[in-house]
Amino acid sequence: VQTCALPICWLLNLAPITIASHVCISQRAFLCTGNHDYKSPTFDLITKPIHVGKGAWVGAGAFVGPGVSVSSHAVLTAGSVATKDLEPYGIYQGNPAVLVKARSLRTEDGGRKT
C-alpha cells in the first residue's frame, strides 16, 4: 500500500502575516492571527499580525500565535508553541516555547558565524 501526504501548513490570516525571504515553514505548522477575548461574555475576536523574519524556521507542527514576531534566523522547533516574540538567532522549544540555545550558522567557507 502506498500513501502520500501533502506537506500542508495553515495560515489563519485574519490580520497580516508577513514572511521574509529564505524562510522555512514546515509541514503542519499553524500561524494563527486570531484569538478570542476570554474575559468578554461574547468572546470577542482579537486579531494581531504575525511576522516571520529572514532565515527563520518554523518547525513541523509548531504553532505561532497572534502578535508574535519570529525574528531573523530564529528557529521554533517541531511541536512548539510561540506565544511571545522569538529573538534573532534563538532556538526555541516547548509549550510555551523558551530559548534553549543560540543558533550558529556556517559560513560558505565552512567557518562559523552568529
Protein backbone atom coordinates (compact mmCIF):
# COMPACT_ATOMS: atom_id res chain seq x y z
CA VAL A 1 0.00 0.00 0.00
CA GLN A 2 1.37 3.38 -0.97
CA THR A 3 0.26 6.55 0.70
CA CYS A 4 1.01 10.18 0.02
CA ALA A 5 0.69 13.06 2.45
CA LEU A 6 0.97 16.62 1.24
CA PRO A 7 3.15 18.95 3.37
CA ILE A 8 0.36 21.29 4.44
CA CYS A 9 0.66 24.27 6.75
CA TRP A 10 -2.11 26.58 7.95
CA LEU A 11 -2.04 30.38 7.76
CA LEU A 12 -5.06 31.89 9.51
CA ASN A 13 -4.66 35.45 8.28
CA LEU A 14 -7.38 37.47 9.97
CA ALA A 15 -4.58 40.05 10.31
CA PRO A 16 -1.48 40.39 8.10
CA ILE A 17 1.15 37.65 8.07
CA THR A 18 4.47 38.80 6.66
CA ILE A 19 7.05 36.22 5.62
CA ALA A 20 10.56 37.39 4.72
CA SER A 21 12.99 35.67 2.36
CA HIS A 22 14.74 32.35 2.96
CA VAL A 23 12.11 31.18 5.47
CA CYS A 24 11.11 27.57 6.11
CA ILE A 25 7.58 26.88 7.34
CA SER A 26 7.40 23.12 7.80
CA GLN A 27 4.51 20.70 7.42
CA ARG A 28 1.52 21.07 9.75
CA ALA A 29 2.79 24.40 11.14
CA PHE A 30 -0.04 26.75 12.13
CA LEU A 31 0.31 30.56 12.03
CA CYS A 32 -2.80 31.94 13.73
CA THR A 33 -3.51 35.69 13.83
CA GLY A 34 -6.83 35.36 15.67
CA ASN A 35 -7.95 34.58 19.18
CA HIS A 36 -10.93 35.32 21.41
CA ASP A 37 -11.23 37.56 24.48
CA TYR A 38 -11.96 35.07 27.25
CA LYS A 39 -12.92 37.95 29.59
CA SER A 40 -15.73 39.00 27.28
CA PRO A 41 -19.11 37.26 27.72
CA THR A 42 -19.39 37.22 23.91
CA PHE A 43 -15.79 36.01 23.29
CA ASP A 44 -14.99 38.98 21.03
CA LEU A 45 -12.48 38.29 18.26
CA ILE A 46 -8.96 39.66 18.75
CA THR A 47 -6.56 39.80 15.80
CA LYS A 48 -2.87 40.67 15.69
CA PRO A 49 -0.32 40.36 12.86
CA ILE A 50 2.48 37.79 12.67
CA HIS A 51 5.93 38.42 11.22
CA VAL A 52 8.42 35.72 10.22
CA GLY A 53 11.88 37.22 9.69
CA LYS A 54 14.57 36.43 7.16
CA GLY A 55 16.13 32.99 7.51
CA ALA A 56 13.71 31.82 10.23
CA TRP A 57 12.40 28.26 10.52
CA VAL A 58 9.01 27.26 11.95
CA GLY A 59 9.24 23.51 12.60
CA ALA A 60 6.74 20.77 11.81
CA GLY A 61 3.54 21.01 13.83
CA ALA A 62 4.62 24.23 15.55
CA PHE A 63 2.12 26.98 16.47
CA VAL A 64 2.75 30.73 16.17
CA GLY A 65 0.13 32.83 17.93
CA PRO A 66 -1.33 36.28 17.29
CA GLY A 67 1.09 39.18 17.52
CA VAL A 68 4.23 37.02 17.55
CA SER A 69 7.37 38.01 15.67
CA VAL A 70 9.68 35.16 14.73
CA SER A 71 12.82 37.25 14.35
CA SER A 72 15.63 36.86 11.82
CA HIS A 73 17.16 33.37 11.76
CA ALA A 74 15.17 32.18 14.80
CA VAL A 75 14.08 28.54 14.99
CA LEU A 76 10.83 27.28 16.54
CA THR A 77 11.29 23.52 16.94
CA ALA A 78 8.75 20.87 15.93
CA GLY A 79 5.56 20.87 18.00
CA SER A 80 6.47 24.02 19.94
CA VAL A 81 4.09 26.89 20.76
CA ALA A 82 5.22 30.52 20.35
CA THR A 83 3.06 32.97 22.30
CA LYS A 84 5.74 35.67 22.61
CA ASP A 85 8.34 37.13 20.25
CA LEU A 86 11.35 34.97 19.35
CA GLU A 87 14.67 36.81 19.37
CA PRO A 88 17.08 36.74 16.41
CA TYR A 89 19.25 33.62 16.13
CA GLY A 90 17.46 31.91 19.03
CA ILE A 91 16.37 28.27 19.05
CA TYR A 92 13.07 27.88 20.90
CA GLN A 93 11.37 24.73 22.12
CA GLY A 94 8.36 23.66 24.18
CA ASN A 95 4.91 24.83 25.22
CA PRO A 96 5.24 27.67 25.79
CA ALA A 97 8.39 27.98 23.69
CA VAL A 98 11.51 29.00 25.61
CA LEU A 99 15.01 29.82 24.40
CA VAL A 100 17.18 26.69 24.58
CA LYS A 101 20.30 27.95 22.81
CA ALA A 102 21.69 30.36 20.24
CA ARG A 103 21.74 29.43 16.57
CA SER A 104 25.16 29.49 14.93
CA LEU A 105 25.37 29.44 11.13
CA ARG A 106 28.22 28.11 8.99
CA THR A 107 29.84 30.47 6.52
CA GLU A 108 30.36 29.45 2.91
CA ASP A 109 33.99 28.54 3.69
CA GLY A 110 32.90 26.17 6.48
CA GLY A 111 33.59 28.54 9.38
CA ARG A 112 31.01 29.73 11.89
CA LYS A 113 29.16 33.00 12.24
CA THR A 114 26.46 34.05 14.66
